[in-house]
Amino acid sequence: MRVVSRKAIIKYYEKHSTSKTALEEWFFKIRKCTPSNLNELKETFNSVDYVGNNRFVFNIKGNDYRLVAIILFPSLKVYIRWIGTHAEYDKQNVKIV
């Protein structure tokens, strides 16, 4: 898959250094997979959830962090919409992020 902008990941882990390794692992893992649907995506990321409106939530670093992305399966593109802690995620409306 093609992550349209890696800058969001870098920007986040520059402020939250404990997330760097896990976010980098996610980035390299997502780039290598080529799923055509949620079930195939779950083969690589078993903790991913679909929350509607083409948005998917990934648990990062044992659920310390969450990453919300728009995934367009036909074009294999990933748009990172939001990264934050689990507590911050609970305050978000991820369908509009």
N, C-alpha and C. Protein backbone atom coordinates (compact mmCIF):
# COMPACT_ATOMS: atom_id res chain seq x y z
N MET A 1 0.85 -1.17 0.00
CA MET A 1 0.00 0.00 0.00
C MET A 1 0.89 1.24 0.00
N ARG A 2 0.32 2.30 -0.47
CA ARG A 2 1.07 3.56 -0.51
C ARG A 2 0.52 4.49 0.57
N VAL A 3 1.40 4.85 1.51
CA VAL A 3 1.04 5.82 2.54
C VAL A 3 1.29 7.18 1.92
N VAL A 4 0.23 7.95 1.76
CA VAL A 4 0.33 9.21 1.02
C VAL A 4 1.25 10.21 1.70
N SER A 5 1.27 10.26 3.00
CA SER A 5 2.20 11.16 3.68
C SER A 5 2.72 10.53 4.96
N ARG A 6 4.01 10.32 5.01
CA ARG A 6 4.67 9.78 6.21
C ARG A 6 4.92 10.89 7.23
N LYS A 7 4.77 12.14 6.80
CA LYS A 7 5.07 13.28 7.68
C LYS A 7 4.27 13.25 8.98
N ALA A 8 3.02 12.81 8.92
CA ALA A 8 2.19 12.76 10.13
C ALA A 8 2.80 11.83 11.17
N ILE A 9 3.36 10.72 10.71
CA ILE A 9 4.00 9.78 11.64
C ILE A 9 5.23 10.41 12.25
N ILE A 10 6.08 10.98 11.41
CA ILE A 10 7.32 11.59 11.90
C ILE A 10 7.02 12.74 12.86
N LYS A 11 6.08 13.57 12.48
CA LYS A 11 5.71 14.70 13.33
C LYS A 11 5.23 14.23 14.70
N TYR A 12 4.44 13.15 14.70
CA TYR A 12 3.93 12.64 15.97
C TYR A 12 5.05 12.07 16.83
N TYR A 13 5.90 11.22 16.27
CA TYR A 13 6.92 10.60 17.13
C TYR A 13 8.04 11.55 17.49
N GLU A 14 8.18 12.67 16.81
CA GLU A 14 9.15 13.68 17.25
C GLU A 14 8.69 14.31 18.57
N LYS A 15 7.38 14.38 18.77
CA LYS A 15 6.84 14.92 20.02
C LYS A 15 6.63 13.83 21.08
N HIS A 16 6.44 12.59 20.63
CA HIS A 16 6.15 11.46 21.53
C HIS A 16 7.13 10.33 21.19
N SER A 17 8.33 10.45 21.69
CA SER A 17 9.42 9.55 21.28
C SER A 17 9.14 8.07 21.59
N THR A 18 8.32 7.78 22.59
CA THR A 18 8.04 6.38 22.92
C THR A 18 7.21 5.68 21.85
N SER A 19 6.65 6.45 20.93
CA SER A 19 5.84 5.86 19.87
C SER A 19 6.64 5.57 18.60
N LYS A 20 7.87 6.03 18.54
CA LYS A 20 8.64 5.97 17.28
C LYS A 20 8.79 4.56 16.73
N THR A 21 9.29 3.64 17.51
CA THR A 21 9.54 2.29 17.00
C THR A 21 8.26 1.64 16.51
N ALA A 22 7.20 1.74 17.29
CA ALA A 22 5.94 1.11 16.92
C ALA A 22 5.34 1.75 15.66
N LEU A 23 5.41 3.07 15.54
CA LEU A 23 4.87 3.73 14.35
C LEU A 23 5.68 3.40 13.11
N GLU A 24 6.99 3.32 13.26
CA GLU A 24 7.84 2.94 12.12
C GLU A 24 7.54 1.50 11.70
N GLU A 25 7.35 0.61 12.66
CA GLU A 25 6.99 -0.78 12.33
C GLU A 25 5.67 -0.83 11.57
N TRP A 26 4.69 -0.06 12.04
CA TRP A 26 3.41 0.00 11.34
C TRP A 26 3.59 0.49 9.91
N PHE A 27 4.37 1.55 9.74
CA PHE A 27 4.59 2.13 8.42
C PHE A 27 5.19 1.12 7.45
N PHE A 28 6.23 0.43 7.87
CA PHE A 28 6.88 -0.52 6.97
C PHE A 28 6.01 -1.75 6.70
N LYS A 29 5.23 -2.12 7.69
CA LYS A 29 4.32 -3.25 7.52
C LYS A 29 3.19 -2.91 6.54
N ILE A 30 2.62 -1.72 6.68
CA ILE A 30 1.49 -1.33 5.81
C ILE A 30 1.97 -1.17 4.37
N ARG A 31 3.20 -0.71 4.19
CA ARG A 31 3.73 -0.53 2.83
C ARG A 31 3.89 -1.87 2.10
N LYS A 32 4.14 -2.92 2.85
CA LYS A 32 4.38 -4.22 2.22
C LYS A 32 3.11 -5.01 1.93
N CYS A 33 2.00 -4.66 2.58
CA CYS A 33 0.79 -5.46 2.37
C CYS A 33 -0.03 -4.92 1.20
N THR A 34 -0.80 -5.81 0.60
CA THR A 34 -1.63 -5.43 -0.55
C THR A 34 -3.03 -6.03 -0.40
N PRO A 35 -3.74 -5.66 0.66
CA PRO A 35 -5.07 -6.23 0.88
C PRO A 35 -6.11 -5.63 -0.06
N SER A 36 -7.13 -6.40 -0.32
CA SER A 36 -8.23 -5.88 -1.15
C SER A 36 -9.50 -5.66 -0.32
N ASN A 37 -9.42 -5.98 0.99
CA ASN A 37 -10.57 -5.77 1.86
C ASN A 37 -10.12 -5.87 3.32
N LEU A 38 -11.06 -5.65 4.23
CA LEU A 38 -10.75 -5.66 5.66
C LEU A 38 -10.24 -7.02 6.12
N ASN A 39 -10.85 -8.09 5.66
CA ASN A 39 -10.41 -9.42 6.09
C ASN A 39 -8.96 -9.67 5.74
N GLU A 40 -8.55 -9.27 4.56
CA GLU A 40 -7.15 -9.44 4.17
C GLU A 40 -6.25 -8.51 4.97
N LEU A 41 -6.72 -7.31 5.28
CA LEU A 41 -5.94 -6.39 6.10
C LEU A 41 -5.72 -6.96 7.50
N LYS A 42 -6.74 -7.64 8.02
CA LYS A 42 -6.64 -8.26 9.35
C LYS A 42 -5.63 -9.40 9.39
N GLU A 43 -5.26 -9.95 8.26
CA GLU A 43 -4.22 -10.97 8.22
C GLU A 43 -2.87 -10.39 8.62
N THR A 44 -2.68 -9.12 8.33
CA THR A 44 -1.43 -8.43 8.70
C THR A 44 -1.59 -7.66 10.00
N PHE A 45 -2.73 -7.02 10.20
CA PHE A 45 -3.01 -6.21 11.39
C PHE A 45 -4.25 -6.76 12.07
N ASN A 46 -4.08 -7.71 12.97
CA ASN A 46 -5.24 -8.37 13.57
C ASN A 46 -6.05 -7.45 14.48
N SER A 47 -5.49 -6.31 14.88
CA SER A 47 -6.23 -5.43 15.79
C SER A 47 -6.88 -4.25 15.07
N VAL A 48 -6.90 -4.24 13.76
CA VAL A 48 -7.51 -3.14 13.03
C VAL A 48 -9.03 -3.26 13.08
N ASP A 49 -9.68 -2.10 13.18
CA ASP A 49 -11.14 -2.06 13.19
C ASP A 49 -11.64 -1.05 12.16
N TYR A 50 -12.72 -1.40 11.51
CA TYR A 50 -13.39 -0.48 10.58
C TYR A 50 -14.41 0.32 11.38
N VAL A 51 -14.37 1.65 11.25
CA VAL A 51 -15.28 2.50 12.02
C VAL A 51 -16.23 3.30 11.13
N GLY A 52 -16.27 2.96 9.84
CA GLY A 52 -17.17 3.64 8.93
C GLY A 52 -16.48 4.72 8.13
N ASN A 53 -17.11 5.12 7.05
CA ASN A 53 -16.63 6.22 6.22
C ASN A 53 -15.19 6.00 5.72
N ASN A 54 -14.88 4.76 5.36
CA ASN A 54 -13.55 4.36 4.88
C ASN A 54 -12.43 4.55 5.91
N ARG A 55 -12.79 4.69 7.18
CA ARG A 55 -11.80 4.89 8.23
C ARG A 55 -11.54 3.60 9.00
N PHE A 56 -10.26 3.40 9.28
CA PHE A 56 -9.80 2.21 9.99
C PHE A 56 -8.95 2.66 11.16
N VAL A 57 -9.11 1.98 12.29
CA VAL A 57 -8.37 2.31 13.50
C VAL A 57 -7.38 1.18 13.78
N PHE A 58 -6.13 1.56 13.93
CA PHE A 58 -5.06 0.61 14.24
C PHE A 58 -4.60 0.83 15.67
N ASN A 59 -4.47 -0.24 16.43
CA ASN A 59 -3.87 -0.17 17.75
C ASN A 59 -2.36 -0.22 17.56
N ILE A 60 -1.68 0.73 18.17
CA ILE A 60 -0.23 0.84 18.04
C ILE A 60 0.42 0.67 19.41
N LYS A 61 1.48 -0.09 19.45
CA LYS A 61 2.25 -0.32 20.68
C LYS A 61 1.36 -0.86 21.80
N GLY A 62 0.76 -1.98 21.54
CA GLY A 62 -0.06 -2.62 22.57
C GLY A 62 -1.23 -1.78 23.01
N ASN A 63 -1.77 -1.00 22.09
CA ASN A 63 -2.93 -0.16 22.35
C ASN A 63 -2.61 1.10 23.16
N ASP A 64 -1.32 1.44 23.29
CA ASP A 64 -0.96 2.72 23.91
C ASP A 64 -1.37 3.88 23.02
N TYR A 65 -1.27 3.65 21.72
CA TYR A 65 -1.59 4.68 20.73
C TYR A 65 -2.60 4.12 19.74
N ARG A 66 -3.27 5.05 19.06
CA ARG A 66 -4.19 4.68 18.00
C ARG A 66 -3.88 5.52 16.78
N LEU A 67 -4.05 4.91 15.64
CA LEU A 67 -3.85 5.60 14.37
C LEU A 67 -5.12 5.41 13.54
N VAL A 68 -5.68 6.51 13.06
CA VAL A 68 -6.87 6.46 12.22
C VAL A 68 -6.44 6.79 10.80
N ALA A 69 -6.83 5.93 9.87
CA ALA A 69 -6.45 6.14 8.48
C ALA A 69 -7.64 5.87 7.56
N ILE A 70 -7.66 6.60 6.47
CA ILE A 70 -8.59 6.30 5.39
C ILE A 70 -7.85 5.33 4.48
N ILE A 71 -8.49 4.23 4.14
CA ILE A 71 -7.89 3.26 3.23
C ILE A 71 -8.78 3.09 2.02
N LEU A 72 -8.17 3.27 0.87
CA LEU A 72 -8.85 3.05 -0.40
C LEU A 72 -8.26 1.79 -1.01
N PHE A 73 -8.96 0.68 -0.84
CA PHE A 73 -8.43 -0.61 -1.29
C PHE A 73 -8.18 -0.70 -2.79
N PRO A 74 -9.08 -0.18 -3.66
CA PRO A 74 -8.83 -0.33 -5.10
C PRO A 74 -7.50 0.30 -5.55
N SER A 75 -7.15 1.44 -4.96
CA SER A 75 -5.89 2.11 -5.35
C SER A 75 -4.75 1.82 -4.38
N LEU A 76 -5.03 1.05 -3.32
CA LEU A 76 -4.03 0.70 -2.30
C LEU A 76 -3.37 1.94 -1.70
N LYS A 77 -4.20 2.92 -1.37
CA LYS A 77 -3.69 4.15 -0.75
C LYS A 77 -4.17 4.26 0.68
N VAL A 78 -3.29 4.81 1.52
CA VAL A 78 -3.57 5.02 2.94
C VAL A 78 -3.35 6.49 3.24
N TYR A 79 -4.35 7.12 3.82
CA TYR A 79 -4.25 8.52 4.23
C TYR A 79 -4.35 8.57 5.75
N ILE A 80 -3.30 8.97 6.41
CA ILE A 80 -3.32 9.07 7.87
C ILE A 80 -4.12 10.30 8.26
N ARG A 81 -5.14 10.09 9.07
CA ARG A 81 -6.01 11.19 9.49
C ARG A 81 -5.74 11.67 10.90
N TRP A 82 -5.27 10.75 11.76
CA TRP A 82 -5.10 11.13 13.15
C TRP A 82 -4.22 10.09 13.85
N ILE A 83 -3.37 10.56 14.77
CA ILE A 83 -2.57 9.69 15.64
C ILE A 83 -2.65 10.28 17.04
N GLY A 84 -2.84 9.42 18.03
CA GLY A 84 -2.89 9.90 19.41
C GLY A 84 -2.90 8.75 20.39
N THR A 85 -2.99 9.10 21.66
CA THR A 85 -3.05 8.07 22.69
C THR A 85 -4.44 7.45 22.72
N HIS A 86 -4.54 6.36 23.41
CA HIS A 86 -5.84 5.69 23.55
C HIS A 86 -6.83 6.64 24.24
N ALA A 87 -6.39 7.34 25.26
CA ALA A 87 -7.28 8.26 25.99
C ALA A 87 -7.74 9.40 25.08
N GLU A 88 -6.85 9.93 24.25
CA GLU A 88 -7.23 10.99 23.32
C GLU A 88 -8.22 10.46 22.28
N TYR A 89 -8.01 9.23 21.86
CA TYR A 89 -8.89 8.61 20.87
C TYR A 89 -10.32 8.52 21.39
N ASP A 90 -10.46 8.19 22.67
CA ASP A 90 -11.79 8.05 23.25
C ASP A 90 -12.59 9.35 23.18
N LYS A 91 -11.90 10.48 23.03
CA LYS A 91 -12.56 11.79 22.96
C LYS A 91 -12.89 12.20 21.52
N GLN A 92 -12.39 11.45 20.52
CA GLN A 92 -12.53 11.81 19.12
C GLN A 92 -13.78 11.19 18.49
N ASN A 93 -14.29 11.85 17.49
CA ASN A 93 -15.29 11.25 16.61
C ASN A 93 -14.53 10.83 15.37
N VAL A 94 -14.09 9.58 15.34
CA VAL A 94 -13.18 9.13 14.30
C VAL A 94 -13.81 9.09 12.91
N LYS A 95 -15.12 9.14 12.83
CA LYS A 95 -15.76 9.13 11.51
C LYS A 95 -15.57 10.45 10.78
N ILE A 96 -15.26 11.51 11.52
CA ILE A 96 -15.06 12.80 10.86
C ILE A 96 -13.62 13.28 10.93
N VAL A 97 -12.77 12.56 11.61
CA VAL A 97 -11.35 12.96 11.70
C VAL A 97 -10.73 12.85 10.34
